[in-house]
Amino acid sequence: MFTVAIRALAESSQELQQMVRKLNQQIQETEGIVSSIRRSSAYGDVIQTLRFRLEDLELEKGRMMELMAALNQIQKMYQQSERNIVDYGEQVRKVDYYRNMDTVSLGKVRDSIKGYQIR
């Protein structure tokens, strides 16, 4: 059975948003360092290493954004499903209200039941 804890899902999404913000800060700081030392040829290896790190940060940021979008989509779908279930239940309740005195025939089902209790 599949269950969704909406509150936990929302909290996870918020945590991912915070992590993306932190990654953006790291990216900006790293880009600032690269731009401040790029004129010096003595730091060529450092600049190359920082650029590789920037690529890694951007890739990680993209993955987090995809995960956050998926979490948000799951949350929306689950909430819509809950609304649909509640709406359907309300429709059934209204229909049952109007035919609550109707007789229901169990037919062959009644014979196959060994013991039952109606509440």
C-alpha atoms as a PDB file:
ATOM      1  CA  MET A   1       0.000   0.000   0.000  1.00  0.00           C
ATOM      2  CA  PHE A   2       1.241   3.471  -0.850  1.00  0.00           C
ATOM      3  CA  THR A   3       0.843   6.191   1.744  1.00  0.00           C
ATOM      4  CA  VAL A   4       1.972   9.797   1.677  1.00  0.00           C
ATOM      5  CA  ALA A   5       2.683  11.936   4.714  1.00  0.00           C
ATOM      6  CA  ILE A   6       1.838  15.380   3.343  1.00  0.00           C
ATOM      7  CA  ARG A   7       3.496  17.264   6.200  1.00  0.00           C
ATOM      8  CA  ALA A   8       6.741  15.301   5.812  1.00  0.00           C
ATOM      9  CA  LEU A   9       6.605  15.801   2.056  1.00  0.00           C
ATOM     10  CA  ALA A  10       6.197  19.553   2.452  1.00  0.00           C
ATOM     11  CA  GLU A  11       9.036  19.680   4.989  1.00  0.00           C
ATOM     12  CA  SER A  12      11.304  17.745   2.625  1.00  0.00           C
ATOM     13  CA  SER A  13      10.487  20.139  -0.160  1.00  0.00           C
ATOM     14  CA  GLN A  14      11.326  23.119   2.061  1.00  0.00           C
ATOM     15  CA  GLU A  15      14.605  21.497   3.105  1.00  0.00           C
ATOM     16  CA  LEU A  16      15.486  20.986  -0.552  1.00  0.00           C
ATOM     17  CA  GLN A  17      14.738  24.649  -1.251  1.00  0.00           C
ATOM     18  CA  GLN A  18      17.126  25.655   1.522  1.00  0.00           C
ATOM     19  CA  MET A  19      19.792  23.305   0.176  1.00  0.00           C
ATOM     20  CA  VAL A  20      19.394  24.792  -3.307  1.00  0.00           C
ATOM     21  CA  ARG A  21      19.830  28.292  -1.838  1.00  0.00           C
ATOM     22  CA  LYS A  22      23.018  27.170  -0.086  1.00  0.00           C
ATOM     23  CA  LEU A  23      24.293  25.624  -3.306  1.00  0.00           C
ATOM     24  CA  ASN A  24      23.574  28.882  -5.132  1.00  0.00           C
ATOM     25  CA  GLN A  25      25.612  30.738  -2.504  1.00  0.00           C
ATOM     26  CA  GLN A  26      28.488  28.286  -2.908  1.00  0.00           C
ATOM     27  CA  ILE A  27      28.317  28.656  -6.683  1.00  0.00           C
ATOM     28  CA  GLN A  28      28.401  32.451  -6.440  1.00  0.00           C
ATOM     29  CA  GLU A  29      31.307  32.383  -3.990  1.00  0.00           C
ATOM     30  CA  THR A  30      33.268  29.988  -6.175  1.00  0.00           C
ATOM     31  CA  GLU A  31      32.580  32.054  -9.295  1.00  0.00           C
ATOM     32  CA  GLY A  32      33.765  35.143  -7.389  1.00  0.00           C
ATOM     33  CA  ILE A  33      37.007  33.406  -6.455  1.00  0.00           C
ATOM     34  CA  VAL A  34      37.561  32.249 -10.037  1.00  0.00           C
ATOM     35  CA  SER A  35      36.965  35.714 -11.433  1.00  0.00           C
ATOM     36  CA  SER A  36      39.306  37.327  -8.892  1.00  0.00           C
ATOM     37  CA  ILE A  37      42.242  34.975  -9.612  1.00  0.00           C
ATOM     38  CA  ARG A  38      41.724  34.280 -13.320  1.00  0.00           C
ATOM     39  CA  ARG A  39      44.192  36.976 -14.401  1.00  0.00           C
ATOM     40  CA  SER A  40      47.040  35.274 -12.611  1.00  0.00           C
ATOM     41  CA  SER A  41      48.678  32.467 -14.598  1.00  0.00           C
ATOM     42  CA  ALA A  42      50.112  30.969 -11.394  1.00  0.00           C
ATOM     43  CA  TYR A  43      46.626  29.811 -10.387  1.00  0.00           C
ATOM     44  CA  GLY A  44      45.758  27.957 -13.597  1.00  0.00           C
ATOM     45  CA  ASP A  45      45.430  24.581 -11.876  1.00  0.00           C
ATOM     46  CA  VAL A  46      43.361  26.065  -9.062  1.00  0.00           C
ATOM     47  CA  ILE A  47      41.050  27.756 -11.545  1.00  0.00           C
ATOM     48  CA  GLN A  48      40.584  24.492 -13.443  1.00  0.00           C
ATOM     49  CA  THR A  49      39.808  22.628 -10.212  1.00  0.00           C
ATOM     50  CA  LEU A  50      37.316  25.318  -9.188  1.00  0.00           C
ATOM     51  CA  ARG A  51      35.605  25.118 -12.589  1.00  0.00           C
ATOM     52  CA  PHE A  52      35.238  21.350 -12.196  1.00  0.00           C
ATOM     53  CA  ARG A  53      33.777  21.984  -8.751  1.00  0.00           C
ATOM     54  CA  LEU A  54      31.368  24.531 -10.262  1.00  0.00           C
ATOM     55  CA  GLU A  55      30.194  21.925 -12.777  1.00  0.00           C
ATOM     56  CA  ASP A  56      29.614  19.463  -9.946  1.00  0.00           C
ATOM     57  CA  LEU A  57      27.665  22.056  -7.958  1.00  0.00           C
ATOM     58  CA  GLU A  58      25.503  22.938 -10.962  1.00  0.00           C
ATOM     59  CA  LEU A  59      24.800  19.254 -11.610  1.00  0.00           C
ATOM     60  CA  GLU A  60      23.847  18.688  -7.976  1.00  0.00           C
ATOM     61  CA  LYS A  61      21.647  21.769  -8.036  1.00  0.00           C
ATOM     62  CA  GLY A  62      19.837  20.458 -11.131  1.00  0.00           C
ATOM     63  CA  ARG A  63      19.216  17.116  -9.456  1.00  0.00           C
ATOM     64  CA  MET A  64      17.840  18.793  -6.342  1.00  0.00           C
ATOM     65  CA  MET A  65      15.563  20.965  -8.452  1.00  0.00           C
ATOM     66  CA  GLU A  66      14.230  17.850 -10.228  1.00  0.00           C
ATOM     67  CA  LEU A  67      13.653  16.112  -6.905  1.00  0.00           C
ATOM     68  CA  MET A  68      11.909  19.176  -5.498  1.00  0.00           C
ATOM     69  CA  ALA A  69       9.665  19.367  -8.576  1.00  0.00           C
ATOM     70  CA  ALA A  70       8.838  15.660  -8.226  1.00  0.00           C
ATOM     71  CA  LEU A  71       7.998  16.077  -4.531  1.00  0.00           C
ATOM     72  CA  ASN A  72       5.759  19.024  -5.320  1.00  0.00           C
ATOM     73  CA  GLN A  73       4.045  17.045  -8.087  1.00  0.00           C
ATOM     74  CA  ILE A  74       3.451  14.088  -5.752  1.00  0.00           C
ATOM     75  CA  GLN A  75       2.019  16.441  -3.142  1.00  0.00           C
ATOM     76  CA  LYS A  76      -0.351  18.030  -5.671  1.00  0.00           C
ATOM     77  CA  MET A  77      -1.459  14.645  -7.034  1.00  0.00           C
ATOM     78  CA  TYR A  78      -2.065  13.252  -3.546  1.00  0.00           C
ATOM     79  CA  GLN A  79      -4.048  16.295  -2.460  1.00  0.00           C
ATOM     80  CA  GLN A  80      -6.135  16.107  -5.651  1.00  0.00           C
ATOM     81  CA  SER A  81      -6.737  12.407  -4.989  1.00  0.00           C
ATOM     82  CA  GLU A  82      -7.894  13.182  -1.467  1.00  0.00           C
ATOM     83  CA  ARG A  83     -10.276  15.833  -2.804  1.00  0.00           C
ATOM     84  CA  ASN A  84     -11.615  13.381  -5.390  1.00  0.00           C
ATOM     85  CA  ILE A  85     -12.191  10.722  -2.731  1.00  0.00           C
ATOM     86  CA  VAL A  86     -13.972  13.196  -0.457  1.00  0.00           C
ATOM     87  CA  ASP A  87     -16.083  14.483  -3.361  1.00  0.00           C
ATOM     88  CA  TYR A  88     -16.989  10.933  -4.391  1.00  0.00           C
ATOM     89  CA  GLY A  89     -17.872  10.045  -0.801  1.00  0.00           C
ATOM     90  CA  GLU A  90     -20.097  13.112  -0.624  1.00  0.00           C
ATOM     91  CA  GLN A  91     -21.821  12.105  -3.856  1.00  0.00           C
ATOM     92  CA  VAL A  92     -22.391   8.564  -2.574  1.00  0.00           C
ATOM     93  CA  ARG A  93     -23.718   9.909   0.716  1.00  0.00           C
ATOM     94  CA  LYS A  94     -26.217  12.096  -1.136  1.00  0.00           C
ATOM     95  CA  VAL A  95     -27.350   9.205  -3.338  1.00  0.00           C
ATOM     96  CA  ASP A  96     -27.640   6.884  -0.331  1.00  0.00           C
ATOM     97  CA  TYR A  97     -29.652   9.475   1.523  1.00  0.00           C
ATOM     98  CA  TYR A  98     -32.327   9.385  -1.145  1.00  0.00           C
ATOM     99  CA  ARG A  99     -32.493   5.608  -1.385  1.00  0.00           C
ATOM    100  CA  ASN A 100     -31.725   4.544   2.151  1.00  0.00           C
ATOM    101  CA  MET A 101     -35.045   2.756   2.366  1.00  0.00           C
ATOM    102  CA  ASP A 102     -34.541   0.764  -0.848  1.00  0.00           C
ATOM    103  CA  THR A 103     -34.323  -3.013  -0.617  1.00  0.00           C
ATOM    104  CA  VAL A 104     -31.080  -4.599  -1.780  1.00  0.00           C
ATOM    105  CA  SER A 105     -31.126  -8.155  -3.123  1.00  0.00           C
ATOM    106  CA  LEU A 106     -28.125 -10.260  -2.214  1.00  0.00           C
ATOM    107  CA  GLY A 107     -29.100 -13.037  -4.575  1.00  0.00           C
ATOM    108  CA  LYS A 108     -26.551 -15.853  -4.656  1.00  0.00           C
ATOM    109  CA  VAL A 109     -24.122 -13.933  -2.462  1.00  0.00           C
ATOM    110  CA  ARG A 110     -26.293 -14.551   0.592  1.00  0.00           C
ATOM    111  CA  ASP A 111     -26.005 -18.328   0.153  1.00  0.00           C
ATOM    112  CA  SER A 112     -22.208 -18.246  -0.009  1.00  0.00           C
ATOM    113  CA  ILE A 113     -21.837 -16.262   3.230  1.00  0.00           C
ATOM    114  CA  LYS A 114     -21.271 -18.557   6.224  1.00  0.00           C
ATOM    115  CA  GLY A 115     -21.863 -15.961   8.896  1.00  0.00           C
ATOM    116  CA  TYR A 116     -22.425 -12.268   8.732  1.00  0.00           C
ATOM    117  CA  GLN A 117     -23.459  -9.454  10.937  1.00  0.00           C
ATOM    118  CA  ILE A 118     -25.154  -6.276   9.843  1.00  0.00           C
ATOM    119  CA  ARG A 119     -24.503  -3.202  11.929  1.00  0.00           C
END
